[in-house]
C-alpha atoms as a PDB file:
ATOM      1  CA  UNK A   1     116.448 108.846  96.993  1.00  0.00           C
ATOM      2  CA  UNK A   2     117.537 109.179  93.377  1.00  0.00           C
ATOM      3  CA  UNK A   3     117.156 106.353  90.896  1.00  0.00           C
ATOM      4  CA  UNK A   4     120.893 105.523  90.851  1.00  0.00           C
ATOM      5  CA  UNK A   5     121.247 104.762  94.607  1.00  0.00           C
ATOM      6  CA  UNK A   6     117.952 102.866  94.483  1.00  0.00           C
ATOM      7  CA  UNK A   7     119.369 100.393  91.975  1.00  0.00           C
ATOM      8  CA  UNK A   8     122.805 100.351  93.635  1.00  0.00           C
ATOM      9  CA  UNK A   9     121.177  99.287  96.921  1.00  0.00           C
ATOM     10  CA  UNK A  10     119.237  96.485  95.225  1.00  0.00           C
ATOM     11  CA  UNK A  11     122.453  95.175  93.696  1.00  0.00           C
ATOM     12  CA  UNK A  12     124.122  95.055  97.119  1.00  0.00           C
ATOM     13  CA  UNK A  13     121.508  93.098  99.027  1.00  0.00           C
ATOM     14  CA  UNK A  14     122.987  89.645  98.355  1.00  0.00           C
ATOM     15  CA  UNK A  15     126.562  90.684  99.182  1.00  0.00           C
ATOM     16  CA  UNK A  16     128.214  90.746 102.594  1.00  0.00           C
ATOM     17  CA  UNK A  17     127.699  92.721 104.828  1.00  0.00           C
ATOM     18  CA  UNK A  18     124.311  93.734 103.328  1.00  0.00           C
ATOM     19  CA  UNK A  19     123.256  90.092 103.196  1.00  0.00           C
ATOM     20  CA  UNK A  20     123.412  89.942 107.009  1.00  0.00           C
ATOM     21  CA  UNK A  21     120.385  92.251 106.986  1.00  0.00           C
ATOM     22  CA  UNK A  22     118.486  90.784 104.030  1.00  0.00           C
ATOM     23  CA  UNK A  23     119.110  87.031 104.347  1.00  0.00           C
ATOM     24  CA  UNK A  24     117.093  86.564 107.578  1.00  0.00           C
ATOM     25  CA  UNK A  25     114.167  88.389 105.946  1.00  0.00           C
ATOM     26  CA  UNK A  26     114.187  86.069 102.941  1.00  0.00           C
ATOM     27  CA  UNK A  27     114.295  83.071 105.282  1.00  0.00           C
ATOM     28  CA  UNK A  28     111.346  84.486 107.238  1.00  0.00           C
ATOM     29  CA  UNK A  29     109.315  85.034 104.059  1.00  0.00           C
ATOM     30  CA  UNK A  30     110.033  81.458 102.970  1.00  0.00           C
ATOM     31  CA  UNK A  31     108.755  80.073 106.278  1.00  0.00           C
ATOM     32  CA  UNK A  32     105.463  81.948 105.915  1.00  0.00           C
ATOM     33  CA  UNK A  33     105.029  80.910 102.284  1.00  0.00           C
ATOM     34  CA  UNK A  34     105.717  77.273 103.097  1.00  0.00           C
ATOM     35  CA  UNK A  35     103.231  77.420 105.987  1.00  0.00           C
ATOM     36  CA  UNK A  36     100.509  78.887 103.762  1.00  0.00           C
ATOM     37  CA  UNK A  37     101.239  76.272 101.109  1.00  0.00           C
ATOM     38  CA  UNK A  38     100.839  73.443 103.632  1.00  0.00           C
ATOM     39  CA  UNK A  39      97.569  74.808 104.986  1.00  0.00           C
ATOM     40  CA  UNK A  40      96.053  75.678 101.619  1.00  0.00           C
ATOM     41  CA  UNK A  41      97.095  72.380 100.042  1.00  0.00           C
ATOM     42  CA  UNK A  42      97.584  73.869  96.597  1.00  0.00           C
ATOM     43  CA  UNK A  43      99.788  76.199  94.617  1.00  0.00           C
ATOM     44  CA  UNK A  44      99.785  79.669  96.161  1.00  0.00           C
ATOM     45  CA  UNK A  45      99.470  83.015  94.375  1.00  0.00           C
ATOM     46  CA  UNK A  46     101.893  85.439  96.021  1.00  0.00           C
ATOM     47  CA  UNK A  47     101.887  89.187  95.361  1.00  0.00           C
ATOM     48  CA  UNK A  48     105.099  91.058  96.180  1.00  0.00           C
ATOM     49  CA  UNK A  49     104.293  94.761  96.629  1.00  0.00           C
ATOM     50  CA  UNK A  50     107.156  97.166  96.089  1.00  0.00           C
ATOM     51  CA  UNK A  51     109.037  94.367  94.387  1.00  0.00           C
ATOM     52  CA  UNK A  52     111.874  96.528  93.065  1.00  0.00           C
ATOM     53  CA  UNK A  53     114.280  94.137  91.375  1.00  0.00           C
ATOM     54  CA  UNK A  54     113.350  91.093  93.470  1.00  0.00           C
ATOM     55  CA  UNK A  55     109.829  90.036  92.513  1.00  0.00           C
ATOM     56  CA  UNK A  56     110.285  86.478  93.787  1.00  0.00           C
ATOM     57  CA  UNK A  57     112.324  84.438  96.238  1.00  0.00           C
ATOM     58  CA  UNK A  58     114.036  81.309  94.899  1.00  0.00           C
ATOM     59  CA  UNK A  59     113.763  77.841  96.342  1.00  0.00           C
ATOM     60  CA  UNK A  60     110.030  77.731  97.096  1.00  0.00           C
ATOM     61  CA  UNK A  61     108.008  75.068  95.288  1.00  0.00           C
ATOM     62  CA  UNK A  62     104.328  75.417  94.436  1.00  0.00           C
ATOM     63  CA  UNK A  63     104.307  79.221  94.456  1.00  0.00           C
ATOM     64  CA  UNK A  64     103.449  81.569  91.590  1.00  0.00           C
ATOM     65  CA  UNK A  65     104.845  85.047  92.151  1.00  0.00           C
ATOM     66  CA  UNK A  66     103.409  88.365  91.001  1.00  0.00           C
ATOM     67  CA  UNK A  67     105.200  91.686  91.502  1.00  0.00           C
ATOM     68  CA  UNK A  68     104.179  95.329  91.451  1.00  0.00           C
ATOM     69  CA  UNK A  69     105.969  98.596  92.130  1.00  0.00           C
ATOM     70  CA  UNK A  70     105.268 102.316  91.855  1.00  0.00           C
ATOM     71  CA  UNK A  71     108.507 102.828  89.920  1.00  0.00           C
ATOM     72  CA  UNK A  72     108.095 102.078  86.176  1.00  0.00           C
ATOM     73  CA  UNK A  73     111.876 101.777  85.865  1.00  0.00           C
ATOM     74  CA  UNK A  74     111.927  98.988  88.465  1.00  0.00           C
ATOM     75  CA  UNK A  75     109.206  97.049  86.640  1.00  0.00           C
ATOM     76  CA  UNK A  76     110.883  97.550  83.262  1.00  0.00           C
ATOM     77  CA  UNK A  77     114.186  96.252  84.636  1.00  0.00           C
ATOM     78  CA  UNK A  78     112.461  93.343  86.404  1.00  0.00           C
ATOM     79  CA  UNK A  79     110.762  92.320  83.166  1.00  0.00           C
ATOM     80  CA  UNK A  80     114.172  92.318  81.500  1.00  0.00           C
ATOM     81  CA  UNK A  81     115.735  90.238  84.295  1.00  0.00           C
ATOM     82  CA  UNK A  82     112.784  87.841  84.633  1.00  0.00           C
ATOM     83  CA  UNK A  83     111.192  87.547  81.157  1.00  0.00           C
ATOM     84  CA  UNK A  84     109.174  84.499  82.242  1.00  0.00           C
ATOM     85  CA  UNK A  85     107.325  86.797  84.676  1.00  0.00           C
ATOM     86  CA  UNK A  86     106.634  89.613  82.225  1.00  0.00           C
ATOM     87  CA  UNK A  87     102.829  89.285  82.411  1.00  0.00           C
ATOM     88  CA  UNK A  88     102.987  88.997  86.216  1.00  0.00           C
ATOM     89  CA  UNK A  89     104.850  92.281  86.769  1.00  0.00           C
ATOM     90  CA  UNK A  90     103.002  95.603  86.751  1.00  0.00           C
ATOM     91  CA  UNK A  91     103.238  99.229  87.780  1.00  0.00           C
ATOM     92  CA  UNK A  92     100.886 100.173  90.621  1.00  0.00           C
ATOM     93  CA  UNK A  93      98.122 102.546  89.456  1.00  0.00           C
ATOM     94  CA  UNK A  94      98.866 104.826  92.433  1.00  0.00           C
ATOM     95  CA  UNK A  95     100.282 104.814  95.952  1.00  0.00           C
ATOM     96  CA  UNK A  96      96.875 103.692  97.201  1.00  0.00           C
ATOM     97  CA  UNK A  97      95.988 101.037  94.639  1.00  0.00           C
ATOM     98  CA  UNK A  98      97.260  97.662  93.482  1.00  0.00           C
ATOM     99  CA  UNK A  99      97.004  96.265  89.949  1.00  0.00           C
ATOM    100  CA  UNK A 100      93.698  94.452  89.497  1.00  0.00           C
ATOM    101  CA  UNK A 101      93.424  93.604  85.808  1.00  0.00           C
ATOM    102  CA  UNK A 102      94.604  90.648  83.749  1.00  0.00           C
ATOM    103  CA  UNK A 103      96.865  88.326  85.717  1.00  0.00           C
ATOM    104  CA  UNK A 104      96.309  90.503  88.811  1.00  0.00           C
ATOM    105  CA  UNK A 105      92.533  89.998  88.961  1.00  0.00           C
ATOM    106  CA  UNK A 106      91.230  88.444  92.162  1.00  0.00           C
ATOM    107  CA  UNK A 107      92.767  87.923  95.581  1.00  0.00           C
ATOM    108  CA  UNK A 108      96.046  86.325  96.609  1.00  0.00           C
ATOM    109  CA  UNK A 109      97.094  83.639  99.064  1.00  0.00           C
ATOM    110  CA  UNK A 110      99.910  85.884 100.278  1.00  0.00           C
ATOM    111  CA  UNK A 111     100.492  89.607  99.925  1.00  0.00           C
ATOM    112  CA  UNK A 112     103.910  90.662 101.151  1.00  0.00           C
ATOM    113  CA  UNK A 113     105.949  93.841 101.177  1.00  0.00           C
ATOM    114  CA  UNK A 114     109.644  93.843 102.041  1.00  0.00           C
ATOM    115  CA  UNK A 115     110.890  97.107 103.562  1.00  0.00           C
ATOM    116  CA  UNK A 116     108.098  99.342 102.243  1.00  0.00           C
ATOM    117  CA  UNK A 117     105.799 100.244 105.139  1.00  0.00           C
ATOM    118  CA  UNK A 118     108.436 102.417 106.877  1.00  0.00           C
ATOM    119  CA  UNK A 119     108.503 104.765 103.864  1.00  0.00           C
ATOM    120  CA  UNK A 120     104.863 105.803 104.385  1.00  0.00           C
ATOM    121  CA  UNK A 121     103.913 108.730 106.643  1.00  0.00           C
ATOM    122  CA  UNK A 122     100.504 107.117 107.300  1.00  0.00           C
ATOM    123  CA  UNK A 123     101.028 103.351 106.909  1.00  0.00           C
ATOM    124  CA  UNK A 124      97.726 101.984 108.266  1.00  0.00           C
ATOM    125  CA  UNK A 125      95.463 102.785 105.249  1.00  0.00           C
ATOM    126  CA  UNK A 126      98.095 101.341 102.912  1.00  0.00           C
ATOM    127  CA  UNK A 127      98.376  98.147 105.006  1.00  0.00           C
ATOM    128  CA  UNK A 128      94.580  97.775 105.001  1.00  0.00           C
ATOM    129  CA  UNK A 129      94.572  98.174 101.216  1.00  0.00           C
ATOM    130  CA  UNK A 130      97.058  95.292 100.937  1.00  0.00           C
ATOM    131  CA  UNK A 131      95.080  93.149 103.374  1.00  0.00           C
ATOM    132  CA  UNK A 132      91.909  93.560 101.302  1.00  0.00           C
ATOM    133  CA  UNK A 133      93.550  91.487  98.555  1.00  0.00           C
ATOM    134  CA  UNK A 134      94.284  88.510 100.847  1.00  0.00           C
ATOM    135  CA  UNK A 135      92.111  85.386 100.548  1.00  0.00           C
ATOM    136  CA  UNK A 136      90.552  83.804 103.629  1.00  0.00           C
ATOM    137  CA  UNK A 137      93.228  81.565 105.107  1.00  0.00           C
ATOM    138  CA  UNK A 138      95.938  83.602 103.409  1.00  0.00           C
ATOM    139  CA  UNK A 139      98.605  85.864 104.848  1.00  0.00           C
ATOM    140  CA  UNK A 140      99.727  89.475 104.883  1.00  0.00           C
ATOM    141  CA  UNK A 141     103.461  89.779 105.533  1.00  0.00           C
ATOM    142  CA  UNK A 142     105.248  93.069 106.163  1.00  0.00           C
ATOM    143  CA  UNK A 143     108.906  93.542 107.004  1.00  0.00           C
ATOM    144  CA  UNK A 144     110.459  96.760 108.280  1.00  0.00           C
ATOM    145  CA  UNK A 145     113.599  97.952 110.040  1.00  0.00           C
ATOM    146  CA  UNK A 146     113.516  97.544 113.817  1.00  0.00           C
ATOM    147  CA  UNK A 147     113.944 100.886 115.604  1.00  0.00           C
ATOM    148  CA  UNK A 148     113.261  99.438 119.048  1.00  0.00           C
ATOM    149  CA  UNK A 149     115.580  99.810 122.014  1.00  0.00           C
ATOM    150  CA  UNK A 150     116.636  96.175 121.490  1.00  0.00           C
ATOM    151  CA  UNK A 151     118.236  97.037 118.122  1.00  0.00           C
ATOM    152  CA  UNK A 152     121.457  98.810 117.173  1.00  0.00           C
ATOM    153  CA  UNK A 153     120.058  99.730 113.751  1.00  0.00           C
ATOM    154  CA  UNK A 154     119.306 103.343 114.626  1.00  0.00           C
ATOM    155  CA  UNK A 155     122.936 103.957 115.572  1.00  0.00           C
ATOM    156  CA  UNK A 156     124.172 102.205 112.431  1.00  0.00           C
ATOM    157  CA  UNK A 157     121.873 104.318 110.255  1.00  0.00           C
ATOM    158  CA  UNK A 158     123.126 107.557 111.784  1.00  0.00           C
ATOM    159  CA  UNK A 159     126.766 106.593 111.335  1.00  0.00           C
ATOM    160  CA  UNK A 160     127.996 103.875 108.967  1.00  0.00           C
ATOM    161  CA  UNK A 161     124.929 103.689 106.699  1.00  0.00           C
ATOM    162  CA  UNK A 162     124.651 107.468 106.445  1.00  0.00           C
ATOM    163  CA  UNK A 163     128.322 107.657 105.456  1.00  0.00           C
ATOM    164  CA  UNK A 164     127.739 105.057 102.713  1.00  0.00           C
ATOM    165  CA  UNK A 165     124.628 106.914 101.507  1.00  0.00           C
ATOM    166  CA  UNK A 166     126.439 110.254 101.275  1.00  0.00           C
ATOM    167  CA  UNK A 167     129.282 108.595  99.411  1.00  0.00           C
ATOM    168  CA  UNK A 168     126.650 107.400  96.913  1.00  0.00           C
ATOM    169  CA  UNK A 169     125.164 110.873  96.583  1.00  0.00           C
ATOM    170  CA  UNK A 170     122.131 110.910  98.873  1.00  0.00           C
ATOM    171  CA  UNK A 171     121.158 110.904 102.548  1.00  0.00           C
ATOM    172  CA  UNK A 172     119.148 108.457 104.652  1.00  0.00           C
ATOM    173  CA  UNK A 173     117.635 111.285 106.722  1.00  0.00           C
ATOM    174  CA  UNK A 174     113.828 111.310 106.496  1.00  0.00           C
ATOM    175  CA  UNK A 175     113.549 108.281 104.141  1.00  0.00           C
ATOM    176  CA  UNK A 176     111.745 106.332 106.906  1.00  0.00           C
ATOM    177  CA  UNK A 177     109.008 108.607 108.276  1.00  0.00           C
ATOM    178  CA  UNK A 178     107.373 105.636 110.046  1.00  0.00           C
ATOM    179  CA  UNK A 179     109.828 104.038 112.448  1.00  0.00           C
ATOM    180  CA  UNK A 180     108.565 100.766 113.877  1.00  0.00           C
ATOM    181  CA  UNK A 181     109.426  98.841 116.976  1.00  0.00           C
ATOM    182  CA  UNK A 182     107.742  95.552 117.859  1.00  0.00           C
ATOM    183  CA  UNK A 183     104.881  97.213 119.716  1.00  0.00           C
ATOM    184  CA  UNK A 184     104.071  99.683 116.950  1.00  0.00           C
ATOM    185  CA  UNK A 185     104.054  96.948 114.295  1.00  0.00           C
ATOM    186  CA  UNK A 186     101.893  94.746 116.524  1.00  0.00           C
ATOM    187  CA  UNK A 187      99.380  97.590 116.877  1.00  0.00           C
ATOM    188  CA  UNK A 188      99.277  98.435 113.151  1.00  0.00           C
ATOM    189  CA  UNK A 189      95.642  98.406 112.012  1.00  0.00           C
ATOM    190  CA  UNK A 190      95.526  96.103 108.981  1.00  0.00           C
ATOM    191  CA  UNK A 191      91.740  96.011 108.877  1.00  0.00           C
ATOM    192  CA  UNK A 192      88.853  93.732 109.926  1.00  0.00           C
ATOM    193  CA  UNK A 193      89.043  89.990 109.488  1.00  0.00           C
ATOM    194  CA  UNK A 194      92.811  89.916 110.017  1.00  0.00           C
ATOM    195  CA  UNK A 195      94.517  88.150 112.944  1.00  0.00           C
ATOM    196  CA  UNK A 196      98.109  88.726 114.017  1.00  0.00           C
ATOM    197  CA  UNK A 197     100.049  85.446 113.906  1.00  0.00           C
ATOM    198  CA  UNK A 198     103.534  86.554 114.843  1.00  0.00           C
ATOM    199  CA  UNK A 199     106.136  89.280 114.759  1.00  0.00           C
ATOM    200  CA  UNK A 200     109.470  87.643 114.093  1.00  0.00           C
ATOM    201  CA  UNK A 201     112.728  89.323 115.123  1.00  0.00           C
ATOM    202  CA  UNK A 202     115.822  87.586 113.695  1.00  0.00           C
ATOM    203  CA  UNK A 203     119.098  87.175 115.561  1.00  0.00           C
ATOM    204  CA  UNK A 204     120.475  90.475 114.237  1.00  0.00           C
ATOM    205  CA  UNK A 205     117.552  92.366 115.902  1.00  0.00           C
ATOM    206  CA  UNK A 206     117.677  94.773 112.946  1.00  0.00           C
ATOM    207  CA  UNK A 207     114.388  93.808 111.314  1.00  0.00           C
ATOM    208  CA  UNK A 208     110.777  92.992 112.136  1.00  0.00           C
ATOM    209  CA  UNK A 209     108.613  90.609 110.144  1.00  0.00           C
ATOM    210  CA  UNK A 210     104.898  90.859 110.820  1.00  0.00           C
ATOM    211  CA  UNK A 211     102.607  88.008 109.766  1.00  0.00           C
ATOM    212  CA  UNK A 212      98.799  88.339 109.793  1.00  0.00           C
ATOM    213  CA  UNK A 213      96.237  85.746 108.678  1.00  0.00           C
ATOM    214  CA  UNK A 214      92.862  86.502 107.136  1.00  0.00           C
ATOM    215  CA  UNK A 215      90.269  84.634 109.152  1.00  0.00           C
ATOM    216  CA  UNK A 216      87.196  86.204 107.540  1.00  0.00           C
ATOM    217  CA  UNK A 217      86.296  88.575 104.740  1.00  0.00           C
ATOM    218  CA  UNK A 218      85.120  91.968 105.949  1.00  0.00           C
END
């Protein structure tokens, strides 16, 4: 995907009909963050991996957000949009590493990635790398499109969404090498010491939201 469609898609996410896809995910993230906040009893550090132009979700008290992305342009634009977060936004050192210096030192109460895992040909090592930065009692949260038989998303992607993509100058073919259904996300190996809490499927059936809890450090 070229840079232009990447930023066009981010700009659309809060508008109808795109919001029908994204709004349930934001609501699901908020529920997890509020649950972690209640259990931890203190302000939570939340790392958003692949933050793009949305490094935090509004309306959640007691949460300090950090964002990282492989794309320097996304981080530069995020720092312009959210100047108060400038020191908490960083470019990932590589596809297989998260920022670990300065404000990013140490582990996080929540590590979450919205619509990233499906872009990886081999998602398990990447998911384990994210999980390693989760504190005991904290959460790993991954969302991804639902390609199960209970979802109409696959048909929409091959028709309406592909038409929109080609109009914008690119194609959706091959952008999701890892296609998840509920079973495949449930079986994703996120590493030792992690316990699956839930896989939430909103009313649209178009997305999956996996929530794991760290019960022990490896």
